[in-house]
Protein backbone atom coordinates (compact mmCIF):
# COMPACT_ATOMS: atom_id res chain seq x y z
CA MET A 1 15.29 -1.76 -18.85
CA ILE A 2 17.29 -4.33 -16.89
CA ARG A 3 15.53 -6.99 -14.82
CA LEU A 4 17.14 -7.49 -11.41
CA HIS A 5 16.54 -10.94 -9.99
CA GLU A 6 19.62 -11.92 -8.01
CA ALA A 7 18.94 -11.79 -4.28
CA LYS A 8 22.10 -9.84 -3.41
CA LEU A 9 21.40 -7.17 -6.03
CA LEU A 10 17.81 -6.78 -4.83
CA GLN A 11 19.02 -6.42 -1.25
CA ASN A 12 21.50 -3.75 -2.34
CA LEU A 13 18.75 -1.92 -4.24
CA HIS A 14 16.46 -2.04 -1.23
CA ARG A 15 19.12 -0.52 1.01
CA SER A 16 19.82 2.16 -1.57
CA LEU A 17 16.14 3.08 -1.89
CA SER A 18 15.90 3.65 1.86
CA LYS A 19 17.90 6.84 1.23
CA SER A 20 15.16 8.09 -1.14
CA LEU A 21 12.19 7.73 1.21
CA PRO A 22 9.41 8.80 1.24
CA GLU A 23 9.42 9.32 -2.55
CA ALA A 24 10.55 5.74 -3.16
CA MET A 25 8.08 4.24 -0.67
CA LYS A 26 6.04 2.24 -3.19
CA VAL A 27 8.97 0.43 -4.82
CA TYR A 28 10.75 0.15 -1.45
CA GLY A 29 7.74 -1.63 0.04
CA SER A 30 7.38 -3.87 -3.02
CA ILE A 31 11.00 -4.98 -2.88
CA PHE A 32 10.68 -5.65 0.86
CA HIS A 33 8.21 -8.43 0.05
CA ILE A 34 10.13 -9.55 -3.04
CA ASN A 35 13.15 -10.17 -0.82
CA ARG A 36 10.96 -12.29 1.47
CA GLY A 37 9.59 -14.81 -0.95
CA ASN A 38 7.97 -12.59 -3.58
CA PRO A 39 4.41 -13.86 -2.97
CA PHE A 40 2.92 -11.60 -5.67
CA ASN A 41 5.50 -12.70 -8.27
CA LEU A 42 6.79 -9.21 -9.06
CA ASP A 43 9.64 -8.19 -11.34
CA VAL A 44 12.07 -5.34 -10.62
CA LEU A 45 13.25 -3.23 -13.55
CA VAL A 46 16.00 -0.59 -13.48
CA ASP A 47 17.21 1.62 -16.32
CA SER A 48 20.87 0.91 -15.46
CA TRP A 49 22.91 -0.79 -12.76
CA PRO A 50 24.39 -0.04 -10.32
CA ASP A 51 23.89 3.66 -11.07
CA TYR A 52 20.14 3.48 -11.62
CA GLN A 53 17.86 6.45 -12.14
CA THR A 54 14.47 4.75 -12.49
CA VAL A 55 13.03 1.69 -10.72
CA ILE A 56 9.76 -0.03 -11.66
CA THR A 57 8.12 -3.01 -9.99
CA ARG A 58 5.46 -4.88 -11.93
CA PRO A 59 3.84 -8.34 -12.00
CA GLN A 60 5.56 -11.06 -13.95
CA LYS A 61 3.96 -11.79 -17.33
CA GLN A 62 2.16 -14.93 -16.17
CA GLU A 63 0.38 -12.88 -13.49
CA MET A 64 -1.15 -10.39 -15.94
CA MET A 65 -3.44 -12.79 -17.76
CA ASP A 66 -6.66 -10.83 -17.17
CA ASP A 67 -6.60 -7.69 -19.31
CA LYS A 68 -9.33 -6.11 -17.18
CA ASP A 69 -7.82 -6.75 -13.73
CA HIS A 70 -6.22 -3.43 -12.71
CA TYR A 71 -5.80 -4.70 -9.13
CA ILE A 72 -3.11 -7.13 -10.32
CA ASN A 73 -1.91 -5.20 -13.38
CA THR A 74 -0.21 -2.61 -11.18
CA TYR A 75 3.10 -0.79 -11.68
CA HIS A 76 5.05 1.11 -9.00
CA ILE A 77 7.51 3.78 -10.03
CA PHE A 78 10.38 5.78 -8.56
CA SER A 79 12.63 7.97 -10.70
CA LYS A 80 15.48 10.40 -10.19
CA ASP A 81 15.33 11.54 -13.82
CA PHE A 82 11.89 12.56 -15.08
CA GLN A 83 13.25 13.61 -18.47
CA LYS A 84 13.79 10.00 -19.54
CA LEU A 85 10.45 8.75 -18.23
CA PRO A 86 8.44 9.28 -21.44
CA GLU A 87 10.79 6.99 -23.35
CA ILE A 88 10.79 4.37 -20.57
CA LEU A 89 7.08 4.36 -19.73
CA GLY A 90 5.94 4.74 -23.31
CA SER A 91 7.52 1.42 -24.25
CA ASP A 92 5.17 -1.56 -24.51
CA SER A 93 8.02 -3.73 -23.26
CA VAL A 94 7.85 -1.91 -19.92
CA ILE A 95 4.12 -1.25 -19.54
CA ASN A 96 1.40 -3.23 -21.30
CA TRP A 97 -0.82 -0.33 -22.35
CA ARG A 98 -3.28 -2.74 -24.00
CA GLN A 99 -4.53 -3.77 -20.54
CA SER A 100 -6.50 -2.03 -17.82
CA LEU A 101 -3.80 -1.10 -15.34
CA THR A 102 -2.85 0.97 -12.33
CA ILE A 103 0.32 3.01 -11.83
CA GLN A 104 1.30 4.26 -8.38
CA GLY A 105 4.10 6.49 -7.14
CA CYS A 106 4.96 9.01 -4.43
CA GLN A 107 6.53 11.86 -6.40
CA ASN A 108 5.22 15.24 -7.47
CA GLY A 109 5.88 15.77 -11.16
CA LEU A 110 5.07 12.21 -12.20
CA HIS A 111 1.56 13.19 -13.24
CA GLU A 112 2.65 15.51 -16.02
CA LYS A 113 4.88 12.83 -17.55
CA ILE A 114 2.29 10.06 -17.36
CA ARG A 115 -0.45 12.38 -18.60
CA ASP A 116 1.61 13.24 -21.67
CA ILE A 117 2.31 9.58 -22.41
CA VAL A 118 -1.36 8.62 -22.11
CA ALA A 119 -2.37 11.56 -24.33
CA SER A 120 -0.63 9.90 -27.27
CA LYS A 121 -2.62 6.68 -26.81
CA SER A 122 -6.29 5.68 -26.99
CA ILE A 123 -6.66 5.38 -23.23
CA LYS A 124 -9.03 6.72 -20.58
CA MET A 125 -7.09 7.79 -17.46
CA ASP A 126 -8.32 8.62 -13.94
CA TYR A 127 -5.76 10.38 -11.73
CA SER A 128 -5.92 10.57 -7.93
CA LYS A 129 -3.65 12.50 -5.58
CA ARG A 130 -3.95 11.83 -1.86
CA PHE A 131 -2.01 12.45 1.33
CA LEU A 132 0.85 10.05 2.01
CA TYR A 133 1.24 9.35 5.74
CA ILE A 134 4.40 7.84 7.28
CA ARG A 135 5.80 7.70 10.80
CA ASP A 136 9.20 9.33 11.35
CA ASP A 137 10.69 6.17 12.84
CA VAL A 138 9.68 4.18 9.76
CA LEU A 139 11.45 6.72 7.56
CA GLU A 140 14.57 6.50 9.70
CA SER A 141 14.85 2.75 10.24
CA GLY A 142 12.33 1.06 7.95
CA THR A 143 10.21 -0.14 10.89
CA ALA A 144 8.44 1.55 13.78
CA ASN A 145 9.84 2.05 17.27
CA THR A 146 8.13 -0.28 19.76
CA ASN A 147 8.59 2.08 22.72
CA ASN A 148 6.79 4.87 20.87
CA LEU A 149 3.92 2.52 20.11
CA LEU A 150 3.63 1.48 23.75
CA SER A 151 3.51 5.14 24.81
CA LEU A 152 0.80 5.70 22.25
CA TYR A 153 -1.15 2.74 23.58
CA GLU A 154 -1.01 4.15 27.11
CA ALA A 155 -2.39 7.45 25.81
CA ILE A 156 -5.79 5.84 25.19
CA CYS A 157 -7.99 6.70 28.15
CA SER A 158 -8.77 4.18 30.89
CA GLU A 159 -12.45 4.61 30.15
CA ASN A 160 -11.92 3.00 26.74
CA VAL A 161 -9.99 0.12 28.34
CA LYS A 162 -12.95 -0.46 30.64
CA PHE A 163 -15.29 -0.39 27.63
CA ARG A 164 -13.28 -3.07 25.84
CA ARG A 165 -13.14 -5.30 28.91
CA ASN A 166 -16.84 -5.01 29.63
CA ASN A 167 -17.79 -5.62 26.00
CA ASN A 168 -15.46 -8.59 25.45
CA ILE A 169 -13.50 -7.04 22.56
CA LYS A 170 -10.14 -8.61 21.73
CA PRO A 171 -7.46 -8.37 19.00
CA SER A 172 -6.93 -11.07 16.40
CA LEU A 173 -5.36 -11.71 13.00
CA LEU A 174 -7.52 -11.87 9.89
CA ASP A 175 -7.43 -14.86 7.57
CA VAL A 176 -8.72 -15.59 4.09
CA SER A 177 -12.16 -16.49 5.47
CA HIS A 178 -12.60 -12.74 6.20
CA ALA A 179 -11.87 -11.69 2.60
CA GLU A 180 -15.51 -11.26 1.59
CA LEU A 181 -16.23 -9.09 4.65
CA VAL A 182 -13.22 -6.87 3.88
CA ASN A 183 -14.04 -6.64 0.18
CA ASN A 184 -17.72 -5.83 0.74
CA ASN A 185 -16.74 -2.84 2.90
CA TRP A 186 -13.87 -1.62 0.72
CA LYS A 187 -14.82 1.55 -1.13
CA TYR A 188 -12.68 0.60 -4.13
CA GLY A 189 -13.58 -3.09 -4.09
CA GLN A 190 -16.94 -4.85 -3.97
CA ASN A 191 -16.36 -6.92 -7.12
CA GLU A 192 -14.92 -10.33 -8.00
CA LYS A 193 -11.53 -9.03 -9.14
CA SER A 194 -11.04 -7.03 -5.93
CA LEU A 195 -12.11 -10.09 -3.91
CA ARG A 196 -9.34 -12.13 -5.52
CA PHE A 197 -6.87 -9.38 -4.62
CA VAL A 198 -8.04 -9.22 -0.99
CA LYS A 199 -7.82 -13.00 -0.67
CA ARG A 200 -4.28 -12.99 -1.99
CA CYS A 201 -3.24 -10.27 0.46
CA LEU A 202 -4.72 -12.19 3.40
CA GLN A 203 -3.08 -15.42 2.27
CA ASN A 204 0.37 -13.83 2.24
CA PHE A 205 0.44 -10.87 4.63
CA PRO A 206 -0.81 -10.28 8.18
CA GLY A 207 -4.22 -8.63 8.45
CA TYR A 208 -5.38 -7.38 11.84
CA CYS A 209 -8.75 -6.89 13.49
CA LEU A 210 -10.69 -6.53 16.71
CA LEU A 211 -13.28 -9.19 17.43
CA GLY A 212 -16.61 -8.20 18.94
CA PRO A 213 -18.62 -10.05 21.60
CA GLU A 214 -19.83 -12.62 19.06
CA GLY A 215 -16.32 -13.35 17.80
CA ASN A 216 -16.65 -11.49 14.48
CA PRO A 217 -14.39 -8.65 13.22
CA ILE A 218 -15.70 -5.18 14.10
CA SER A 219 -12.64 -3.15 13.00
CA TRP A 220 -9.82 -4.14 10.66
CA THR A 221 -6.90 -3.18 8.40
CA ILE A 222 -4.83 -5.24 5.99
CA ILE A 223 -1.44 -4.70 4.39
CA GLU A 224 -0.78 -5.25 0.69
CA HIS A 225 2.14 -6.09 -1.57
CA THR A 226 3.83 -2.67 -1.25
CA CYS A 227 3.64 -2.66 2.58
CA GLU A 228 0.81 -0.11 2.46
CA LEU A 229 -1.98 -0.27 5.06
CA ARG A 230 -5.25 -0.55 3.16
CA MET A 231 -8.98 -1.23 3.43
CA SER A 232 -9.39 0.00 7.01
CA TYR A 233 -12.95 -0.18 8.25
CA THR A 234 -14.87 -0.06 11.53
CA LEU A 235 -18.50 -1.12 11.77
CA PRO A 236 -20.72 1.98 12.23
CA GLU A 237 -22.03 0.91 15.64
CA TYR A 238 -18.47 0.81 17.03
CA ARG A 239 -17.29 4.19 15.79
CA SER A 240 -16.64 7.21 18.05
CA ARG A 241 -15.39 4.89 20.81
CA ARG A 242 -11.66 5.02 19.96
CA ILE A 243 -11.90 1.40 18.85
CA THR A 244 -10.05 2.21 15.61
CA GLN A 245 -7.16 3.80 17.53
CA TRP A 246 -6.73 0.66 19.63
CA MET A 247 -6.86 -1.53 16.54
CA GLY A 248 -4.27 0.65 14.73
CA ILE A 249 -1.81 0.58 17.60
CA GLY A 250 -2.14 -3.19 18.00
CA TYR A 251 -1.54 -3.71 14.29
CA MET A 252 1.54 -1.47 14.24
CA GLN A 253 2.98 -3.39 17.18
CA HIS A 254 2.44 -6.64 15.30
CA LEU A 255 4.13 -5.29 12.17
CA LYS A 256 7.05 -4.03 14.24
CA GLU A 257 7.52 -7.51 15.70
CA ASN A 258 7.83 -8.77 12.12
CA ASP A 259 10.22 -5.94 11.10
CA MET A 260 7.78 -4.81 8.40
CA PRO A 261 7.68 -1.18 7.21
CA PHE A 262 4.24 0.39 6.78
CA TYR A 263 2.55 3.58 5.65
CA GLY A 264 -0.82 4.71 4.34
CA HIS A 265 -2.74 7.28 2.34
CA VAL A 266 -5.79 9.42 3.10
CA GLU A 267 -8.15 11.22 0.76
CA GLU A 268 -8.23 14.99 1.17
CA MET A 269 -11.78 15.27 2.53
CA ASN A 270 -11.58 12.32 4.96
CA GLU A 271 -11.14 14.34 8.15
CA GLN A 272 -11.62 11.38 10.52
CA SER A 273 -8.84 9.41 8.85
CA HIS A 274 -6.51 12.44 8.93
CA LYS A 275 -7.11 12.74 12.68
CA LEU A 276 -6.56 9.01 13.20
CA ALA A 277 -3.30 9.00 11.22
CA LYS A 278 -1.92 11.92 13.22
CA PHE A 279 -3.03 10.33 16.52
CA LEU A 280 -1.10 7.19 15.55
CA GLY A 281 2.08 9.21 14.97
CA PHE A 282 1.95 9.47 11.18
CA HIS A 283 2.88 12.67 9.36
CA PRO A 284 1.77 13.84 5.90
CA MET A 285 4.57 13.85 3.33
CA ASP A 286 4.98 16.71 0.85
CA CYS A 287 5.53 14.29 -2.04
CA GLY A 288 1.97 12.96 -1.82
CA TRP A 289 0.48 9.63 -2.94
CA HIS A 290 -0.40 9.35 -6.65
CA GLU A 291 -2.39 6.83 -8.65
CA TRP A 292 -3.30 6.53 -12.33
CA LYS A 293 -5.96 4.07 -13.48
CA CYS A 294 -5.76 3.53 -17.23
CA VAL A 295 -8.22 1.68 -19.45
CA PRO A 296 -7.73 1.24 -23.22
CA ASP A 297 -10.70 2.45 -25.25
CA GLU A 298 -11.34 -1.05 -26.59
CA LEU A 299 -11.85 -2.36 -23.04
CA LEU A 300 -14.32 0.33 -21.96
């Protein structure tokens, strides 16, 4: 694999990947941040250049010092040629299979290839497939259309506007001081390694929330190093009041102002999140959202 590091080449790759959305969404989002300072210190690997078939983003070696930290030891994959994937992904020079790690991608057919690779190693693998949600305007231009977001905002009933005014609820940005609150309410977090990951996201990317009457977050979402919206949560006492819709629209407007693409995923049985995503103008993509968590037997 070839490591791309020159700014112009990475910009060219990013433009090229926009033609392969939504399947390339994970690497596209990663390279967006790489081109803007690379706060997570990621590398970009391609099998050839300029006529690439496979792109992988992964942390630089100095980032993957904790063999048990699958939050950091994460690889994002897009490929136009699945036949060559076993050779590429099976190489220890591409993926460090001696660590606990996570692989993510947005392509049907990846699972069979990764499953076969893992089967030849002493590794426990957990596979998850979820719904990938993206807005049409993000697919077309990389960022959302502000006019559409304003129309969406106006669609929220006046009764809810009155509720917010009377209850002194206002929008705000999250900061690293909110990391423990976010982590403690994150279904896939609630440990020290996930807390470090949340802190790093909040230190480098805009997180958004609504503040309640006492000035504390009551509903929030953050964005991570692949431009994916993650860790959304609303306190139970504020649910069923369309608070989450207001928060989502405000956050999307903020991301649009910063020309940042965004998308999300939803588990199959999470009906409330499916309804929210569709209300906010997102559509489910046929390619799906896929994740593989791999742990070597010696680290179990």
